[in-house]
């Protein structure tokens, strides 16, 4: 329950690591409804919808930067782009689930 409660706002760990909460945060940003999306698409939609409110715009930008940091860490750690992970379900081609 604590993991789920923590995924709304996330500050990536300063040590450069990836926690389960970081991965949940990024996974949440990869979905709109039931559709997988690049997190940038989700943040662009939020900015278009709420960007007229300066406080909301700052919060969206802060969350976008956190997601970008976590994304870079994930891509570096697994050696694959987030787009590939989303497209393949995270499994390397030819591997069994």
C-alpha atoms as a PDB file:
ATOM      1  CA  UNK A   1       0.000   0.000   0.000  1.00  0.00           C
ATOM      2  CA  UNK A   2       2.872   2.374   0.783  1.00  0.00           C
ATOM      3  CA  UNK A   3       4.331   1.803  -2.678  1.00  0.00           C
ATOM      4  CA  UNK A   4       1.075   2.807  -4.365  1.00  0.00           C
ATOM      5  CA  UNK A   5       0.592   5.810  -2.086  1.00  0.00           C
ATOM      6  CA  UNK A   6       4.072   7.043  -3.021  1.00  0.00           C
ATOM      7  CA  UNK A   7       3.694   6.957  -6.818  1.00  0.00           C
ATOM      8  CA  UNK A   8       1.854  10.271  -7.274  1.00  0.00           C
ATOM      9  CA  UNK A   9       4.871  12.482  -6.660  1.00  0.00           C
ATOM     10  CA  UNK A  10       8.386  11.204  -6.912  1.00  0.00           C
ATOM     11  CA  UNK A  11      11.824  12.658  -6.405  1.00  0.00           C
ATOM     12  CA  UNK A  12      14.372  10.269  -7.927  1.00  0.00           C
ATOM     13  CA  UNK A  13      16.989   9.060  -5.465  1.00  0.00           C
ATOM     14  CA  UNK A  14      20.047  11.312  -5.477  1.00  0.00           C
ATOM     15  CA  UNK A  15      22.334   8.245  -5.558  1.00  0.00           C
ATOM     16  CA  UNK A  16      21.263   7.402  -9.123  1.00  0.00           C
ATOM     17  CA  UNK A  17      19.518   4.171  -8.158  1.00  0.00           C
ATOM     18  CA  UNK A  18      16.137   2.795  -9.173  1.00  0.00           C
ATOM     19  CA  UNK A  19      13.625   1.779  -6.533  1.00  0.00           C
ATOM     20  CA  UNK A  20      10.360  -0.129  -6.961  1.00  0.00           C
ATOM     21  CA  UNK A  21       8.595   3.186  -6.287  1.00  0.00           C
ATOM     22  CA  UNK A  22      10.554   4.808  -9.145  1.00  0.00           C
ATOM     23  CA  UNK A  23       9.503   2.031 -11.528  1.00  0.00           C
ATOM     24  CA  UNK A  24       5.865   2.277 -10.444  1.00  0.00           C
ATOM     25  CA  UNK A  25       5.983   6.041 -10.916  1.00  0.00           C
ATOM     26  CA  UNK A  26       7.320   5.690 -14.459  1.00  0.00           C
ATOM     27  CA  UNK A  27       4.898   2.874 -15.303  1.00  0.00           C
ATOM     28  CA  UNK A  28       1.998   5.062 -14.181  1.00  0.00           C
ATOM     29  CA  UNK A  29       3.189   7.819 -16.523  1.00  0.00           C
ATOM     30  CA  UNK A  30       3.210   5.335 -19.447  1.00  0.00           C
ATOM     31  CA  UNK A  31      -0.573   4.894 -19.436  1.00  0.00           C
ATOM     32  CA  UNK A  32      -3.533   7.040 -20.407  1.00  0.00           C
ATOM     33  CA  UNK A  33      -6.705   5.113 -19.669  1.00  0.00           C
ATOM     34  CA  UNK A  34      -5.960   1.643 -21.010  1.00  0.00           C
ATOM     35  CA  UNK A  35      -3.494   2.808 -23.680  1.00  0.00           C
ATOM     36  CA  UNK A  36       0.297   2.597 -23.359  1.00  0.00           C
ATOM     37  CA  UNK A  37       1.937   5.908 -24.225  1.00  0.00           C
ATOM     38  CA  UNK A  38       5.294   7.585 -24.038  1.00  0.00           C
ATOM     39  CA  UNK A  39       5.351   9.617 -20.811  1.00  0.00           C
ATOM     40  CA  UNK A  40       5.979  12.783 -22.828  1.00  0.00           C
ATOM     41  CA  UNK A  41       2.559  12.335 -24.471  1.00  0.00           C
ATOM     42  CA  UNK A  42       0.922  12.115 -21.072  1.00  0.00           C
ATOM     43  CA  UNK A  43       2.725  15.212 -19.790  1.00  0.00           C
ATOM     44  CA  UNK A  44       1.940  17.138 -22.988  1.00  0.00           C
ATOM     45  CA  UNK A  45      -1.763  16.329 -22.521  1.00  0.00           C
ATOM     46  CA  UNK A  46      -1.641  17.429 -18.887  1.00  0.00           C
ATOM     47  CA  UNK A  47       0.161  20.640 -19.853  1.00  0.00           C
ATOM     48  CA  UNK A  48      -2.442  21.404 -22.502  1.00  0.00           C
ATOM     49  CA  UNK A  49      -5.247  20.748 -20.063  1.00  0.00           C
ATOM     50  CA  UNK A  50      -3.884  22.460 -16.933  1.00  0.00           C
ATOM     51  CA  UNK A  51      -0.963  24.572 -18.138  1.00  0.00           C
ATOM     52  CA  UNK A  52      -2.934  27.798 -17.831  1.00  0.00           C
ATOM     53  CA  UNK A  53      -2.689  27.433 -14.070  1.00  0.00           C
ATOM     54  CA  UNK A  54       0.871  28.443 -13.099  1.00  0.00           C
ATOM     55  CA  UNK A  55       0.962  26.184 -10.037  1.00  0.00           C
ATOM     56  CA  UNK A  56      -0.312  23.181 -12.015  1.00  0.00           C
ATOM     57  CA  UNK A  57       2.166  23.954 -14.795  1.00  0.00           C
ATOM     58  CA  UNK A  58       5.066  23.894 -12.317  1.00  0.00           C
ATOM     59  CA  UNK A  59       3.851  20.620 -10.827  1.00  0.00           C
ATOM     60  CA  UNK A  60       3.529  19.046 -14.282  1.00  0.00           C
ATOM     61  CA  UNK A  61       7.040  20.174 -15.179  1.00  0.00           C
ATOM     62  CA  UNK A  62       8.454  18.822 -11.903  1.00  0.00           C
ATOM     63  CA  UNK A  63       6.787  15.456 -12.500  1.00  0.00           C
ATOM     64  CA  UNK A  64       7.983  15.415 -16.118  1.00  0.00           C
ATOM     65  CA  UNK A  65      11.582  15.989 -15.038  1.00  0.00           C
ATOM     66  CA  UNK A  66      11.331  13.216 -12.424  1.00  0.00           C
ATOM     67  CA  UNK A  67       9.948  10.815 -15.055  1.00  0.00           C
ATOM     68  CA  UNK A  68      12.746  11.751 -17.481  1.00  0.00           C
ATOM     69  CA  UNK A  69      15.384  11.061 -14.824  1.00  0.00           C
ATOM     70  CA  UNK A  70      13.877   7.693 -13.936  1.00  0.00           C
ATOM     71  CA  UNK A  71      13.513   6.859 -17.634  1.00  0.00           C
ATOM     72  CA  UNK A  72      17.203   7.576 -18.317  1.00  0.00           C
ATOM     73  CA  UNK A  73      18.224   5.441 -15.361  1.00  0.00           C
ATOM     74  CA  UNK A  74      16.025   2.554 -16.488  1.00  0.00           C
ATOM     75  CA  UNK A  75      17.217   2.716 -20.094  1.00  0.00           C
ATOM     76  CA  UNK A  76      20.849   2.798 -18.953  1.00  0.00           C
ATOM     77  CA  UNK A  77      20.373  -0.098 -16.555  1.00  0.00           C
ATOM     78  CA  UNK A  78      18.561  -2.414 -19.000  1.00  0.00           C
ATOM     79  CA  UNK A  79      20.268  -1.258 -22.195  1.00  0.00           C
ATOM     80  CA  UNK A  80      16.966  -0.750 -24.023  1.00  0.00           C
ATOM     81  CA  UNK A  81      14.829   2.269 -24.782  1.00  0.00           C
ATOM     82  CA  UNK A  82      11.548   2.792 -22.980  1.00  0.00           C
ATOM     83  CA  UNK A  83       9.804   2.684 -26.367  1.00  0.00           C
ATOM     84  CA  UNK A  84      11.180  -0.822 -26.942  1.00  0.00           C
ATOM     85  CA  UNK A  85      10.195  -1.915 -23.454  1.00  0.00           C
ATOM     86  CA  UNK A  86       6.647  -0.639 -23.970  1.00  0.00           C
ATOM     87  CA  UNK A  87       6.393  -2.197 -27.428  1.00  0.00           C
ATOM     88  CA  UNK A  88       7.702  -5.622 -26.396  1.00  0.00           C
ATOM     89  CA  UNK A  89       6.359  -5.789 -22.865  1.00  0.00           C
ATOM     90  CA  UNK A  90       9.923  -5.603 -21.578  1.00  0.00           C
ATOM     91  CA  UNK A  91      10.970  -9.004 -22.922  1.00  0.00           C
ATOM     92  CA  UNK A  92      13.911  -9.256 -25.312  1.00  0.00           C
ATOM     93  CA  UNK A  93      12.859 -10.656 -28.722  1.00  0.00           C
ATOM     94  CA  UNK A  94      12.734 -14.438 -28.693  1.00  0.00           C
ATOM     95  CA  UNK A  95      12.661 -14.787 -24.907  1.00  0.00           C
ATOM     96  CA  UNK A  96       9.975 -16.638 -23.003  1.00  0.00           C
ATOM     97  CA  UNK A  97       7.906 -14.829 -20.368  1.00  0.00           C
END
